[in-house]
C-alpha cells in the first residue's frame, strides 16, 4: 500500500540547550484518498531512549483528506548525558490497521553539549533558618509564658490573700512559664523554615520538640549533681546555648538524612 501520510521535519541538526531540552516540530498530512485516524510513534535510533522523547498533546488525531496537523516532539536528556549527535524518527500509523497503513518519517538529528540535562535543584538544608527560628521562638515563648504565669499567679495570690496562696501563685508562675521556651522554639523552627521555603518544616519542628526537653532534662540532672556556683555559670554559658542550637540542628539533620540520605 502506498504511504498514506506525508511527514516533514526541520532540516539540519537540532541543537539542544544547556539543560538538554529541545522541541522538534513535524508537519503531517493525510495524502491518501480517505479520511484516517492516525497515531504518531517515536522511534529512537542508535541508543536514544524512549524516555528522552515525548509527544506534546495527543498522539492520535483525525486526518481528513489533505489535512495537515503539527506534531511537536519534546526532547529532555537526563543529567550528565555525554555530548553527541543522536537521531530519531517520527512515524505514523493508521489506528484501524497499523500493520498495513503506516508511514516511516524522516530521520531527525539532534546534538547536545557535554554533560547537559536537567540539573537537580540544590538541596536547601536550612540549618541556620532552623536555629534562628528556635531562638526567636524560644524568646517569644519564654516571654509569653512568664507574662501569662505572672498574671495567673498574681491572681491566685491576690484572691487567696494568705501566705499559702502566695506560694501557690509562685508555683503557678513556674509551671506555666516552663513550657513557653519549648513550645515557642518548636513553633519558631516550623514557622521560619516554612516561611523561607524549606522542605519538611513540620517534621523538623516535631523532632526539635522531642530533642529539646530531653536535652534540657539531661543538662539539669548533670548540673544538679555539680550543685554549686559553677553549675549556675554552666547553665547560662553552656546549657542555654546548647538548647538553642543542638535541638534544631539535630532535628534538621535527622530529617534531611531520612528524606534525602544527605546531611
Protein backbone atom coordinates (compact mmCIF):
# COMPACT_ATOMS: atom_id res chain seq x y z
CA UNK A 1 0.00 0.00 0.00
CA UNK A 2 1.26 3.50 -0.83
CA UNK A 3 2.39 5.63 2.09
CA UNK A 4 -0.77 7.32 3.47
CA UNK A 5 0.97 10.18 5.29
CA UNK A 6 3.47 12.84 4.34
CA UNK A 7 5.80 13.71 7.21
CA UNK A 8 8.19 16.66 7.03
CA UNK A 9 10.74 17.70 9.65
CA UNK A 10 13.26 20.54 10.05
CA UNK A 11 16.42 20.13 8.03
CA UNK A 12 19.79 20.06 9.76
CA UNK A 13 20.70 19.06 13.30
CA UNK A 14 18.63 20.34 16.23
CA UNK A 15 20.80 21.92 18.93
CA UNK A 16 19.54 21.32 22.46
CA UNK A 17 20.01 23.93 25.18
CA UNK A 18 22.37 23.65 28.15
CA UNK A 19 19.70 21.75 30.11
CA UNK A 20 19.36 19.13 27.37
CA UNK A 21 15.97 20.37 26.19
CA UNK A 22 14.61 21.00 22.74
CA UNK A 23 11.46 20.80 20.60
CA UNK A 24 11.13 19.41 17.08
CA UNK A 25 8.04 20.27 15.04
CA UNK A 26 6.75 17.90 12.35
CA UNK A 27 4.10 18.55 9.71
CA UNK A 28 1.90 15.52 9.00
CA UNK A 29 -0.54 15.40 6.07
CA UNK A 30 -3.03 12.73 5.05
CA UNK A 31 -2.23 12.21 1.35
CA UNK A 32 -4.41 9.14 0.94
CA UNK A 33 -7.82 9.11 -0.73
CA UNK A 34 -9.77 8.52 2.52
CA UNK A 35 -10.01 10.08 5.98
CA UNK A 36 -7.79 8.40 8.55
CA UNK A 37 -7.29 8.38 12.27
CA UNK A 38 -3.54 8.36 12.74
CA UNK A 39 -1.21 7.74 15.62
CA UNK A 40 2.28 9.24 15.90
CA UNK A 41 5.04 6.92 17.07
CA UNK A 42 8.56 7.91 18.12
CA UNK A 43 11.39 5.64 17.05
CA UNK A 44 14.66 6.30 18.87
CA UNK A 45 17.76 5.31 16.93
CA UNK A 46 21.28 4.33 18.00
CA UNK A 47 20.85 4.28 21.77
CA UNK A 48 18.27 7.07 22.09
CA UNK A 49 15.99 6.02 24.93
CA UNK A 50 12.22 6.32 24.65
CA UNK A 51 12.04 8.21 27.96
CA UNK A 52 14.01 11.08 26.43
CA UNK A 53 11.34 11.83 23.80
CA UNK A 54 7.68 12.71 24.30
CA UNK A 55 4.89 13.92 22.03
CA UNK A 56 3.26 17.15 23.13
CA UNK A 57 -0.51 16.73 23.15
CA UNK A 58 -2.45 13.77 21.80
CA UNK A 59 -0.53 11.26 19.68
CA UNK A 60 -3.79 10.19 17.96
CA UNK A 61 -5.68 12.58 15.70
CA UNK A 62 -8.28 12.55 12.91
CA UNK A 63 -6.86 13.33 9.49
CA UNK A 64 -9.37 14.26 6.80
CA UNK A 65 -8.02 14.02 3.27
CA UNK A 66 -5.25 16.56 2.56
CA UNK A 67 -5.43 17.97 6.11
CA UNK A 68 -2.15 18.79 7.87
CA UNK A 69 -1.50 18.61 11.60
CA UNK A 70 1.51 19.86 13.51
CA UNK A 71 3.13 17.45 15.93
CA UNK A 72 5.81 18.54 18.39
CA UNK A 73 8.32 16.09 19.87
CA UNK A 74 9.89 17.29 23.11
CA UNK A 75 13.43 16.17 23.92
CA UNK A 76 14.70 16.04 27.51
CA UNK A 77 18.02 14.40 28.25
CA UNK A 78 18.91 13.15 31.74
CA UNK A 79 21.62 14.96 33.76
CA UNK A 80 25.18 14.28 32.70
CA UNK A 81 24.37 12.95 29.22
CA UNK A 82 27.61 12.94 27.16
CA UNK A 83 27.68 15.39 24.27
CA UNK A 84 26.97 13.72 20.91
CA UNK A 85 24.76 13.71 17.86
CA UNK A 86 21.78 11.39 18.10
CA UNK A 87 18.87 10.51 15.85
CA UNK A 88 15.22 9.56 15.96
CA UNK A 89 12.20 9.27 13.66
CA UNK A 90 8.54 10.15 13.94
CA UNK A 91 6.43 7.51 12.22
CA UNK A 92 2.68 7.46 11.56
CA UNK A 93 0.26 4.52 11.53
CA UNK A 94 -3.44 4.22 10.83
CA UNK A 95 -5.21 3.32 14.06
CA UNK A 96 -7.67 0.97 12.34
CA UNK A 97 -4.98 -1.04 10.52
CA UNK A 98 -1.48 -0.18 11.82
CA UNK A 99 0.20 -3.16 10.15
CA UNK A 100 -0.72 -2.02 6.65
CA UNK A 101 -1.38 1.71 6.97
CA UNK A 102 1.87 3.26 8.04
CA UNK A 103 4.49 5.81 7.05
CA UNK A 104 8.10 5.91 8.14
CA UNK A 105 9.10 9.51 8.84
CA UNK A 106 12.39 11.26 8.11
CA UNK A 107 15.34 10.90 10.46
CA UNK A 108 16.00 13.90 12.71
CA UNK A 109 19.42 14.56 14.21
CA UNK A 110 19.88 16.42 17.49
CA UNK A 111 23.00 17.34 19.42
CA UNK A 112 23.66 18.36 22.99
CA UNK A 113 26.55 19.95 24.91
CA UNK A 114 28.61 17.59 27.04
CA UNK A 115 27.13 16.88 30.44
CA UNK A 116 23.83 18.59 29.69
CA UNK A 117 20.48 17.59 31.09
CA UNK A 118 18.12 18.89 33.71
CA UNK A 119 20.14 19.88 36.75
CA UNK A 120 18.71 18.67 40.01
CA UNK A 121 18.00 21.59 42.32
CA UNK A 122 20.49 22.05 45.11
CA UNK A 123 19.32 20.70 48.42
CA UNK A 124 18.25 23.53 50.71
CA UNK A 125 19.41 22.36 54.11
CA UNK A 126 18.01 25.09 56.35
CA UNK A 127 20.25 24.65 59.40
CA UNK A 128 20.66 28.38 60.01
CA UNK A 129 16.95 29.03 59.48
CA UNK A 130 16.08 26.29 61.99
CA UNK A 131 18.42 27.72 64.65
CA UNK A 132 17.18 31.27 64.05
CA UNK A 133 13.58 30.13 64.31
CA UNK A 134 14.33 28.25 67.53
CA UNK A 135 16.00 31.30 69.09
CA UNK A 136 13.25 33.73 68.17
CA UNK A 137 10.54 31.27 69.16
CA UNK A 138 12.23 30.49 72.46
CA UNK A 139 12.41 34.17 73.41
CA UNK A 140 8.81 34.74 72.37
CA UNK A 141 7.59 31.60 74.12
CA UNK A 142 9.51 32.37 77.30
CA UNK A 143 8.16 35.94 77.38
CA UNK A 144 4.59 34.81 76.78
CA UNK A 145 4.90 32.05 79.39
CA UNK A 146 6.31 34.38 82.03
CA UNK A 147 3.66 37.04 81.41
CA UNK A 148 0.83 34.52 81.49
CA UNK A 149 2.28 32.80 84.53
CA UNK A 150 2.70 36.06 86.43
CA UNK A 151 -0.85 37.15 85.65
CA UNK A 152 -2.37 33.86 86.75
CA UNK A 153 -0.02 33.51 89.73
CA UNK A 154 -0.80 37.01 90.99
CA UNK A 155 -4.49 36.35 90.53
CA UNK A 156 -4.24 33.21 92.66
CA UNK A 157 -2.20 35.02 95.34
CA UNK A 158 -4.49 38.05 95.49
CA UNK A 159 -7.68 36.02 95.61
CA UNK A 160 -6.25 33.79 98.36
CA UNK A 161 -4.83 36.65 100.43
CA UNK A 162 -2.53 34.49 102.57
CA UNK A 163 0.97 33.02 102.52
CA UNK A 164 -0.18 29.68 101.15
CA UNK A 165 -1.88 31.42 98.23
CA UNK A 166 1.28 33.42 97.58
CA UNK A 167 3.32 30.22 97.45
CA UNK A 168 0.72 28.60 95.22
CA UNK A 169 0.84 31.60 92.93
CA UNK A 170 4.61 31.32 92.71
CA UNK A 171 4.35 27.64 91.78
CA UNK A 172 1.77 28.51 89.14
CA UNK A 173 4.16 31.08 87.63
CA UNK A 174 6.91 28.43 87.39
CA UNK A 175 4.67 25.72 85.95
CA UNK A 176 3.12 27.95 83.30
CA UNK A 177 6.42 29.60 82.35
CA UNK A 178 8.38 26.38 81.81
CA UNK A 179 6.64 25.13 78.63
CA UNK A 180 6.99 28.54 76.94
CA UNK A 181 10.55 28.16 75.59
CA UNK A 182 9.85 24.57 74.49
CA UNK A 183 6.64 25.27 72.60
CA UNK A 184 7.87 28.63 71.33
CA UNK A 185 11.11 27.25 69.93
CA UNK A 186 9.33 24.37 68.17
CA UNK A 187 6.81 26.74 66.61
CA UNK A 188 9.65 29.09 65.67
CA UNK A 189 11.50 26.30 63.85
CA UNK A 190 8.36 25.32 61.93
CA UNK A 191 7.39 28.86 61.00
CA UNK A 192 10.84 30.05 59.94
CA UNK A 193 11.54 27.00 57.76
CA UNK A 194 8.09 27.12 56.20
CA UNK A 195 8.18 30.88 55.66
CA UNK A 196 11.58 30.68 53.92
CA UNK A 197 10.50 27.89 51.57
CA UNK A 198 12.40 24.96 53.08
CA UNK A 199 11.01 21.45 52.78
CA UNK A 200 9.93 19.31 55.75
CA UNK A 201 9.37 22.16 58.20
CA UNK A 202 6.83 20.24 60.30
CA UNK A 203 8.92 17.05 60.77
CA UNK A 204 11.88 19.23 61.78
CA UNK A 205 9.78 21.08 64.35
CA UNK A 206 8.41 17.82 65.76
CA UNK A 207 11.94 16.43 66.05
CA UNK A 208 13.02 19.60 67.81
CA UNK A 209 10.08 19.28 70.22
CA UNK A 210 11.34 15.82 71.21
CA UNK A 211 15.05 16.64 71.47
CA UNK A 212 14.68 19.94 73.38
CA UNK A 213 13.10 18.63 76.63
CA UNK A 214 15.33 15.54 76.59
CA UNK A 215 18.47 17.68 76.32
CA UNK A 216 17.19 20.09 78.97
CA UNK A 217 16.40 17.24 81.39
CA UNK A 218 19.85 15.68 80.98
CA UNK A 219 21.53 19.07 81.41
CA UNK A 220 19.60 19.90 84.58
CA UNK A 221 20.39 16.46 86.00
CA UNK A 222 24.12 16.98 85.41
CA UNK A 223 24.02 20.49 86.88
CA UNK A 224 22.16 19.26 89.98
CA UNK A 225 24.96 16.80 90.58
CA UNK A 226 27.54 19.60 90.36
CA UNK A 227 25.41 21.73 92.66
CA UNK A 228 27.45 24.92 93.20
CA UNK A 229 28.08 28.31 91.63
CA UNK A 230 29.80 26.63 88.72
CA UNK A 231 26.51 24.95 87.88
CA UNK A 232 24.81 28.31 87.52
CA UNK A 233 27.55 29.57 85.25
CA UNK A 234 27.46 26.41 83.18
CA UNK A 235 23.71 26.75 82.81
CA UNK A 236 23.94 30.16 81.17
CA UNK A 237 27.23 29.64 79.32
CA UNK A 238 26.73 26.08 78.08
CA UNK A 239 23.22 24.73 78.62
CA UNK A 240 21.21 27.65 77.25
CA UNK A 241 23.25 27.98 74.01
CA UNK A 242 23.22 24.20 73.61
CA UNK A 243 19.43 24.04 74.00
CA UNK A 244 19.09 26.79 71.41
CA UNK A 245 21.41 25.26 68.80
CA UNK A 246 21.55 21.49 69.25
CA UNK A 247 17.84 20.52 69.06
CA UNK A 248 17.12 22.31 65.75
CA UNK A 249 20.46 21.14 64.33
CA UNK A 250 19.85 17.55 65.36
CA UNK A 251 16.24 17.53 64.21
CA UNK A 252 17.07 19.09 60.85
CA UNK A 253 19.99 16.71 60.26
CA UNK A 254 17.82 13.69 61.07
CA UNK A 255 15.02 14.81 58.76
CA UNK A 256 17.40 15.59 55.89
CA UNK A 257 19.12 12.23 56.25
CA UNK A 258 15.85 10.30 56.33
CA UNK A 259 14.42 12.18 53.33
CA UNK A 260 17.48 12.51 51.10
CA UNK A 261 20.28 10.39 52.58
CA UNK A 262 22.35 13.57 52.96
CA UNK A 263 23.17 15.91 55.82
